Amino acid sequence: MTKFWVPDAFRPNNDEEAEEHRQRLLRNFQMAFPDREVTVTYNLPGFSKPGEIKDALHIFEGQSGRVHVCEDRVILERRKPSCLNFFSSFPRESKSIPIDSIRAIQLSPPEKLGRSGFIHFVVIGGKENISRVAEARTDENCVSFVGRQLMPSAQKVQDLIHDMKRRSAIGSLFVADEIRKLKDLLDEGVLTLAEFEFQKKKLLES
């Protein structure tokens, strides 16, 4: 039996339309491989199933993989760089990137003539800039996509992460300010060193 796997990004939202789409693909593959028994299934093998990552705030389905935006991290599920055929059960790779380690997000939209777009997460030790789609397909911190209709979903990835980093920065400034106040109280003799360290630890862990 030959199994063909279709990314969820290609699955129509309506269940009836999705089944019609699957049957149409199945007929096409049966015509292409008349001497084989074939099946067509949605969701790529090795990828998480819908709803499996419970704390995902947003899921972006791209051409080369999937992006899960969570409260404290981004999970990239990608087809390995050499696997360019959607409908083959090639091995996958998964990577978790802490939100705090994302320095910037490069979002390149697809062009009308079929050129893919991509989302690139700039992290310490990774590439600062991706200039070509070929690079995006092989970079472990990138997910490429086709179709300008996917831009709003890609933009939401960028917006969510920017908002989380902004809130984290505001929280860090608050903690730093509170620690300075505690240090002043320590210097004035109002707090003991043990009390200062206890309150400081509570702030850093909050």
C-alpha atoms as a PDB file:
ATOM      1  CA  MET A   1       0.000   0.000   0.000  1.00  0.00           C
ATOM      2  CA  THR A   2       1.183   3.522  -0.826  1.00  0.00           C
ATOM      3  CA  LYS A   3       0.141   6.257   1.608  1.00  0.00           C
ATOM      4  CA  PHE A   4      -0.115   9.895   0.563  1.00  0.00           C
ATOM      5  CA  TRP A   5      -0.216  12.526   3.309  1.00  0.00           C
ATOM      6  CA  VAL A   6      -1.717  15.972   2.743  1.00  0.00           C
ATOM      7  CA  PRO A   7      -0.904  18.938   5.048  1.00  0.00           C
ATOM      8  CA  ASP A   8      -3.841  20.277   7.058  1.00  0.00           C
ATOM      9  CA  ALA A   9      -3.241  23.646   5.352  1.00  0.00           C
ATOM     10  CA  PHE A  10      -4.784  22.138   2.200  1.00  0.00           C
ATOM     11  CA  ARG A  11      -7.826  20.740   4.019  1.00  0.00           C
ATOM     12  CA  PRO A  12     -11.092  22.674   3.401  1.00  0.00           C
ATOM     13  CA  ASN A  13     -12.729  23.843   6.647  1.00  0.00           C
ATOM     14  CA  ASN A  14     -16.050  22.197   5.824  1.00  0.00           C
ATOM     15  CA  ASP A  15     -15.968  18.429   6.533  1.00  0.00           C
ATOM     16  CA  GLU A  16     -18.062  17.587   3.466  1.00  0.00           C
ATOM     17  CA  GLU A  17     -15.824  19.652   1.173  1.00  0.00           C
ATOM     18  CA  ALA A  18     -12.741  18.125   2.821  1.00  0.00           C
ATOM     19  CA  GLU A  19     -13.971  14.603   2.050  1.00  0.00           C
ATOM     20  CA  GLU A  20     -14.732  15.579  -1.569  1.00  0.00           C
ATOM     21  CA  HIS A  21     -11.234  17.053  -1.832  1.00  0.00           C
ATOM     22  CA  ARG A  22      -9.686  13.880  -0.376  1.00  0.00           C
ATOM     23  CA  GLN A  23     -11.666  11.654  -2.758  1.00  0.00           C
ATOM     24  CA  ARG A  24     -10.613  13.815  -5.725  1.00  0.00           C
ATOM     25  CA  LEU A  25      -6.966  13.484  -4.741  1.00  0.00           C
ATOM     26  CA  LEU A  26      -7.429   9.747  -4.234  1.00  0.00           C
ATOM     27  CA  ARG A  27      -8.845   9.334  -7.757  1.00  0.00           C
ATOM     28  CA  ASN A  28      -5.927  11.310  -9.199  1.00  0.00           C
ATOM     29  CA  PHE A  29      -3.377   9.156  -7.397  1.00  0.00           C
ATOM     30  CA  GLN A  30      -5.189   5.949  -8.392  1.00  0.00           C
ATOM     31  CA  MET A  31      -4.949   7.047 -12.027  1.00  0.00           C
ATOM     32  CA  ALA A  32      -1.253   7.883 -11.586  1.00  0.00           C
ATOM     33  CA  PHE A  33      -0.501   4.566  -9.829  1.00  0.00           C
ATOM     34  CA  PRO A  34      -3.002   2.042 -11.274  1.00  0.00           C
ATOM     35  CA  ASP A  35      -0.942  -0.937 -10.127  1.00  0.00           C
ATOM     36  CA  ARG A  36      -0.906   0.099  -6.441  1.00  0.00           C
ATOM     37  CA  GLU A  37      -3.368   0.322  -3.583  1.00  0.00           C
ATOM     38  CA  VAL A  38      -3.276   3.942  -2.399  1.00  0.00           C
ATOM     39  CA  THR A  39      -4.705   5.956   0.509  1.00  0.00           C
ATOM     40  CA  VAL A  40      -4.913   9.699   1.106  1.00  0.00           C
ATOM     41  CA  THR A  41      -4.893  11.125   4.649  1.00  0.00           C
ATOM     42  CA  TYR A  42      -4.755  14.666   6.032  1.00  0.00           C
ATOM     43  CA  ASN A  43      -2.067  15.795   8.505  1.00  0.00           C
ATOM     44  CA  LEU A  44       1.586  15.027   7.924  1.00  0.00           C
ATOM     45  CA  PRO A  45       3.153  12.036   9.740  1.00  0.00           C
ATOM     46  CA  GLY A  46       5.403  13.089  12.585  1.00  0.00           C
ATOM     47  CA  PHE A  47       3.533  16.383  13.035  1.00  0.00           C
ATOM     48  CA  SER A  48       1.327  17.063  16.040  1.00  0.00           C
ATOM     49  CA  LYS A  49      -2.391  16.550  15.525  1.00  0.00           C
ATOM     50  CA  PRO A  50      -4.781  19.538  15.759  1.00  0.00           C
ATOM     51  CA  GLY A  51      -5.246  20.502  19.424  1.00  0.00           C
ATOM     52  CA  GLU A  52      -2.373  18.297  20.617  1.00  0.00           C
ATOM     53  CA  ILE A  53      -0.262  21.272  21.736  1.00  0.00           C
ATOM     54  CA  LYS A  54      -2.689  22.551  24.371  1.00  0.00           C
ATOM     55  CA  ASP A  55      -1.166  25.987  25.038  1.00  0.00           C
ATOM     56  CA  ALA A  56      -0.873  27.032  21.383  1.00  0.00           C
ATOM     57  CA  LEU A  57      -2.359  30.516  20.911  1.00  0.00           C
ATOM     58  CA  HIS A  58      -2.116  30.382  17.121  1.00  0.00           C
ATOM     59  CA  ILE A  59      -1.096  27.794  14.524  1.00  0.00           C
ATOM     60  CA  PHE A  60       0.289  28.762  11.133  1.00  0.00           C
ATOM     61  CA  GLU A  61       0.303  26.163   8.340  1.00  0.00           C
ATOM     62  CA  GLY A  62       3.032  26.774   5.770  1.00  0.00           C
ATOM     63  CA  GLN A  63       4.493  24.944   2.804  1.00  0.00           C
ATOM     64  CA  SER A  64       7.582  23.599   4.563  1.00  0.00           C
ATOM     65  CA  GLY A  65       5.989  23.129   7.973  1.00  0.00           C
ATOM     66  CA  ARG A  66       3.935  24.514  10.810  1.00  0.00           C
ATOM     67  CA  VAL A  67       4.399  27.217  13.464  1.00  0.00           C
ATOM     68  CA  HIS A  68       2.781  26.947  16.907  1.00  0.00           C
ATOM     69  CA  VAL A  69       2.862  30.205  18.889  1.00  0.00           C
ATOM     70  CA  CYS A  70       2.624  29.449  22.628  1.00  0.00           C
ATOM     71  CA  GLU A  71       2.820  31.693  25.716  1.00  0.00           C
ATOM     72  CA  ASP A  72       6.543  31.164  26.283  1.00  0.00           C
ATOM     73  CA  ARG A  73       7.852  29.527  23.110  1.00  0.00           C
ATOM     74  CA  VAL A  74       7.425  28.932  19.400  1.00  0.00           C
ATOM     75  CA  ILE A  75       7.340  25.349  18.141  1.00  0.00           C
ATOM     76  CA  LEU A  76       8.468  24.773  14.553  1.00  0.00           C
ATOM     77  CA  GLU A  77       7.516  21.505  12.882  1.00  0.00           C
ATOM     78  CA  ARG A  78       9.284  21.248   9.544  1.00  0.00           C
ATOM     79  CA  ARG A  79       9.770  18.802   6.742  1.00  0.00           C
ATOM     80  CA  LYS A  80      13.467  18.077   6.448  1.00  0.00           C
ATOM     81  CA  PRO A  81      15.120  20.316   3.794  1.00  0.00           C
ATOM     82  CA  SER A  82      15.484  17.565   1.176  1.00  0.00           C
ATOM     83  CA  CYS A  83      11.785  16.651   1.387  1.00  0.00           C
ATOM     84  CA  LEU A  84      10.110  18.892  -1.160  1.00  0.00           C
ATOM     85  CA  ASN A  85       7.212  16.590  -2.027  1.00  0.00           C
ATOM     86  CA  PHE A  86       4.105  17.193   0.120  1.00  0.00           C
ATOM     87  CA  PHE A  87       2.608  13.811  -0.590  1.00  0.00           C
ATOM     88  CA  SER A  88       5.411  11.612   0.748  1.00  0.00           C
ATOM     89  CA  SER A  89       5.917  10.340   4.272  1.00  0.00           C
ATOM     90  CA  PHE A  90       9.375  11.831   4.748  1.00  0.00           C
ATOM     91  CA  PRO A  91      10.716  12.264   8.301  1.00  0.00           C
ATOM     92  CA  ARG A  92       9.983  15.524  10.115  1.00  0.00           C
ATOM     93  CA  GLU A  93      11.882  17.641  12.598  1.00  0.00           C
ATOM     94  CA  SER A  94      10.558  19.676  15.512  1.00  0.00           C
ATOM     95  CA  LYS A  95      12.203  22.586  17.317  1.00  0.00           C
ATOM     96  CA  SER A  96      11.157  24.721  20.303  1.00  0.00           C
ATOM     97  CA  ILE A  97      12.373  28.350  20.454  1.00  0.00           C
ATOM     98  CA  PRO A  98      11.871  30.326  23.718  1.00  0.00           C
ATOM     99  CA  ILE A  99      10.119  33.651  23.054  1.00  0.00           C
ATOM    100  CA  ASP A 100      12.880  35.469  24.984  1.00  0.00           C
ATOM    101  CA  SER A 101      15.543  34.176  22.575  1.00  0.00           C
ATOM    102  CA  ILE A 102      13.782  35.532  19.455  1.00  0.00           C
ATOM    103  CA  ARG A 103      15.578  38.748  18.535  1.00  0.00           C
ATOM    104  CA  ALA A 104      13.502  39.615  15.464  1.00  0.00           C
ATOM    105  CA  ILE A 105      11.045  38.143  12.957  1.00  0.00           C
ATOM    106  CA  GLN A 106      11.595  38.487   9.214  1.00  0.00           C
ATOM    107  CA  LEU A 107       8.323  38.135   7.294  1.00  0.00           C
ATOM    108  CA  SER A 108       8.625  37.959   3.509  1.00  0.00           C
ATOM    109  CA  PRO A 109       5.303  37.799   1.590  1.00  0.00           C
ATOM    110  CA  PRO A 110       4.808  35.494  -1.406  1.00  0.00           C
ATOM    111  CA  GLU A 111       4.853  37.100  -4.836  1.00  0.00           C
ATOM    112  CA  LYS A 112       2.176  36.819  -7.511  1.00  0.00           C
ATOM    113  CA  LEU A 113       4.358  34.759  -9.858  1.00  0.00           C
ATOM    114  CA  GLY A 114       4.485  31.797  -7.492  1.00  0.00           C
ATOM    115  CA  ARG A 115       7.559  32.703  -5.456  1.00  0.00           C
ATOM    116  CA  SER A 116       7.175  31.450  -1.892  1.00  0.00           C
ATOM    117  CA  GLY A 117       7.123  33.690   1.140  1.00  0.00           C
ATOM    118  CA  PHE A 118       8.594  32.774   4.519  1.00  0.00           C
ATOM    119  CA  ILE A 119       8.706  33.498   8.242  1.00  0.00           C
ATOM    120  CA  HIS A 120      12.219  33.634   9.657  1.00  0.00           C
ATOM    121  CA  PHE A 121      12.878  33.703  13.404  1.00  0.00           C
ATOM    122  CA  VAL A 122      16.144  35.514  14.136  1.00  0.00           C
ATOM    123  CA  VAL A 123      17.815  33.920  17.163  1.00  0.00           C
ATOM    124  CA  ILE A 124      21.256  34.136  18.767  1.00  0.00           C
ATOM    125  CA  GLY A 125      23.636  31.970  16.767  1.00  0.00           C
ATOM    126  CA  GLY A 126      21.312  31.842  13.759  1.00  0.00           C
ATOM    127  CA  LYS A 127      21.249  33.800  10.503  1.00  0.00           C
ATOM    128  CA  GLU A 128      20.486  37.511  10.820  1.00  0.00           C
ATOM    129  CA  ASN A 129      18.765  37.735   7.441  1.00  0.00           C
ATOM    130  CA  ILE A 130      17.365  35.426   4.765  1.00  0.00           C
ATOM    131  CA  SER A 131      17.490  36.855   1.259  1.00  0.00           C
ATOM    132  CA  ARG A 132      16.416  33.906  -0.884  1.00  0.00           C
ATOM    133  CA  VAL A 133      13.573  31.377  -0.663  1.00  0.00           C
ATOM    134  CA  ALA A 134      16.093  28.560  -1.187  1.00  0.00           C
ATOM    135  CA  GLU A 135      17.736  29.591   2.094  1.00  0.00           C
ATOM    136  CA  ALA A 136      14.359  29.668   3.844  1.00  0.00           C
ATOM    137  CA  ARG A 137      13.653  26.078   2.813  1.00  0.00           C
ATOM    138  CA  THR A 138      16.842  24.821   4.476  1.00  0.00           C
ATOM    139  CA  ASP A 139      17.167  27.138   7.501  1.00  0.00           C
ATOM    140  CA  GLU A 140      15.982  25.434  10.698  1.00  0.00           C
ATOM    141  CA  ASN A 141      14.421  28.687  11.952  1.00  0.00           C
ATOM    142  CA  CYS A 142      12.271  29.273   8.847  1.00  0.00           C
ATOM    143  CA  VAL A 143       8.935  28.112   7.505  1.00  0.00           C
ATOM    144  CA  SER A 144       8.094  28.914   3.883  1.00  0.00           C
ATOM    145  CA  PHE A 145       4.580  29.301   2.471  1.00  0.00           C
ATOM    146  CA  VAL A 146       2.769  29.936  -0.811  1.00  0.00           C
ATOM    147  CA  GLY A 147      -0.424  31.895  -1.371  1.00  0.00           C
ATOM    148  CA  ARG A 148      -0.986  35.499  -0.354  1.00  0.00           C
ATOM    149  CA  GLN A 149      -4.161  34.398   1.449  1.00  0.00           C
ATOM    150  CA  LEU A 150      -1.880  33.033   4.185  1.00  0.00           C
ATOM    151  CA  MET A 151      -0.368  36.460   4.932  1.00  0.00           C
ATOM    152  CA  PRO A 152      -2.939  37.410   7.642  1.00  0.00           C
ATOM    153  CA  SER A 153      -2.134  34.198   9.534  1.00  0.00           C
ATOM    154  CA  ALA A 154       1.616  34.787   9.098  1.00  0.00           C
ATOM    155  CA  GLN A 155       1.200  38.399  10.241  1.00  0.00           C
ATOM    156  CA  LYS A 156      -0.633  37.168  13.344  1.00  0.00           C
ATOM    157  CA  VAL A 157       2.422  35.087  14.274  1.00  0.00           C
ATOM    158  CA  GLN A 158       4.579  38.206  14.129  1.00  0.00           C
ATOM    159  CA  ASP A 159       2.054  40.373  16.001  1.00  0.00           C
ATOM    160  CA  LEU A 160       1.552  37.857  18.820  1.00  0.00           C
ATOM    161  CA  ILE A 161       5.280  37.451  19.418  1.00  0.00           C
ATOM    162  CA  HIS A 162       5.940  41.197  19.310  1.00  0.00           C
ATOM    163  CA  ASP A 163       3.147  41.720  21.860  1.00  0.00           C
ATOM    164  CA  MET A 164       4.500  39.018  24.190  1.00  0.00           C
ATOM    165  CA  LYS A 165       8.021  40.433  24.004  1.00  0.00           C
ATOM    166  CA  ARG A 166       6.699  43.935  24.719  1.00  0.00           C
ATOM    167  CA  ARG A 167       4.784  42.723  27.790  1.00  0.00           C
ATOM    168  CA  SER A 168       7.849  40.782  28.949  1.00  0.00           C
ATOM    169  CA  ALA A 169      10.034  43.904  28.615  1.00  0.00           C
ATOM    170  CA  ILE A 170       7.546  45.974  30.638  1.00  0.00           C
ATOM    171  CA  GLY A 171       7.503  43.284  33.337  1.00  0.00           C
ATOM    172  CA  SER A 172      11.321  43.215  33.448  1.00  0.00           C
ATOM    173  CA  LEU A 173      11.458  47.006  33.925  1.00  0.00           C
ATOM    174  CA  PHE A 174       8.966  46.738  36.805  1.00  0.00           C
ATOM    175  CA  VAL A 175      11.028  44.010  38.510  1.00  0.00           C
ATOM    176  CA  ALA A 176      14.264  45.985  38.095  1.00  0.00           C
ATOM    177  CA  ASP A 177      12.611  49.078  39.596  1.00  0.00           C
ATOM    178  CA  GLU A 178      11.272  47.122  42.588  1.00  0.00           C
ATOM    179  CA  ILE A 179      14.697  45.575  43.250  1.00  0.00           C
ATOM    180  CA  ARG A 180      16.256  49.054  43.264  1.00  0.00           C
ATOM    181  CA  LYS A 181      13.702  50.133  45.870  1.00  0.00           C
ATOM    182  CA  LEU A 182      14.518  47.098  48.010  1.00  0.00           C
ATOM    183  CA  LYS A 183      18.241  47.897  47.706  1.00  0.00           C
ATOM    184  CA  ASP A 184      17.566  51.426  48.976  1.00  0.00           C
ATOM    185  CA  LEU A 185      15.740  49.978  51.985  1.00  0.00           C
ATOM    186  CA  LEU A 186      18.656  47.613  52.582  1.00  0.00           C
ATOM    187  CA  ASP A 187      21.147  50.498  52.435  1.00  0.00           C
ATOM    188  CA  GLU A 188      18.989  52.492  54.863  1.00  0.00           C
ATOM    189  CA  GLY A 189      18.930  49.592  57.319  1.00  0.00           C
ATOM    190  CA  VAL A 190      15.174  49.076  57.025  1.00  0.00           C
ATOM    191  CA  LEU A 191      15.692  45.555  55.606  1.00  0.00           C
ATOM    192  CA  THR A 192      18.199  42.908  56.656  1.00  0.00           C
ATOM    193  CA  LEU A 193      20.280  41.190  53.983  1.00  0.00           C
ATOM    194  CA  ALA A 194      18.217  38.005  54.436  1.00  0.00           C
ATOM    195  CA  GLU A 195      14.953  39.958  53.997  1.00  0.00           C
ATOM    196  CA  PHE A 196      16.349  41.717  50.927  1.00  0.00           C
ATOM    197  CA  GLU A 197      17.419  38.420  49.310  1.00  0.00           C
ATOM    198  CA  PHE A 198      14.036  36.825  50.116  1.00  0.00           C
ATOM    199  CA  GLN A 199      12.040  39.681  48.555  1.00  0.00           C
ATOM    200  CA  LYS A 200      14.396  39.855  45.570  1.00  0.00           C
ATOM    201  CA  LYS A 201      13.975  36.116  44.923  1.00  0.00           C
ATOM    202  CA  LYS A 202      10.156  36.472  45.039  1.00  0.00           C
ATOM    203  CA  LEU A 203      10.286  39.260  42.443  1.00  0.00           C
ATOM    204  CA  LEU A 204      12.590  37.347  40.096  1.00  0.00           C
ATOM    205  CA  GLU A 205      10.422  34.228  40.293  1.00  0.00           C
ATOM    206  CA  SER A 206       7.102  36.028  39.809  1.00  0.00           C
END
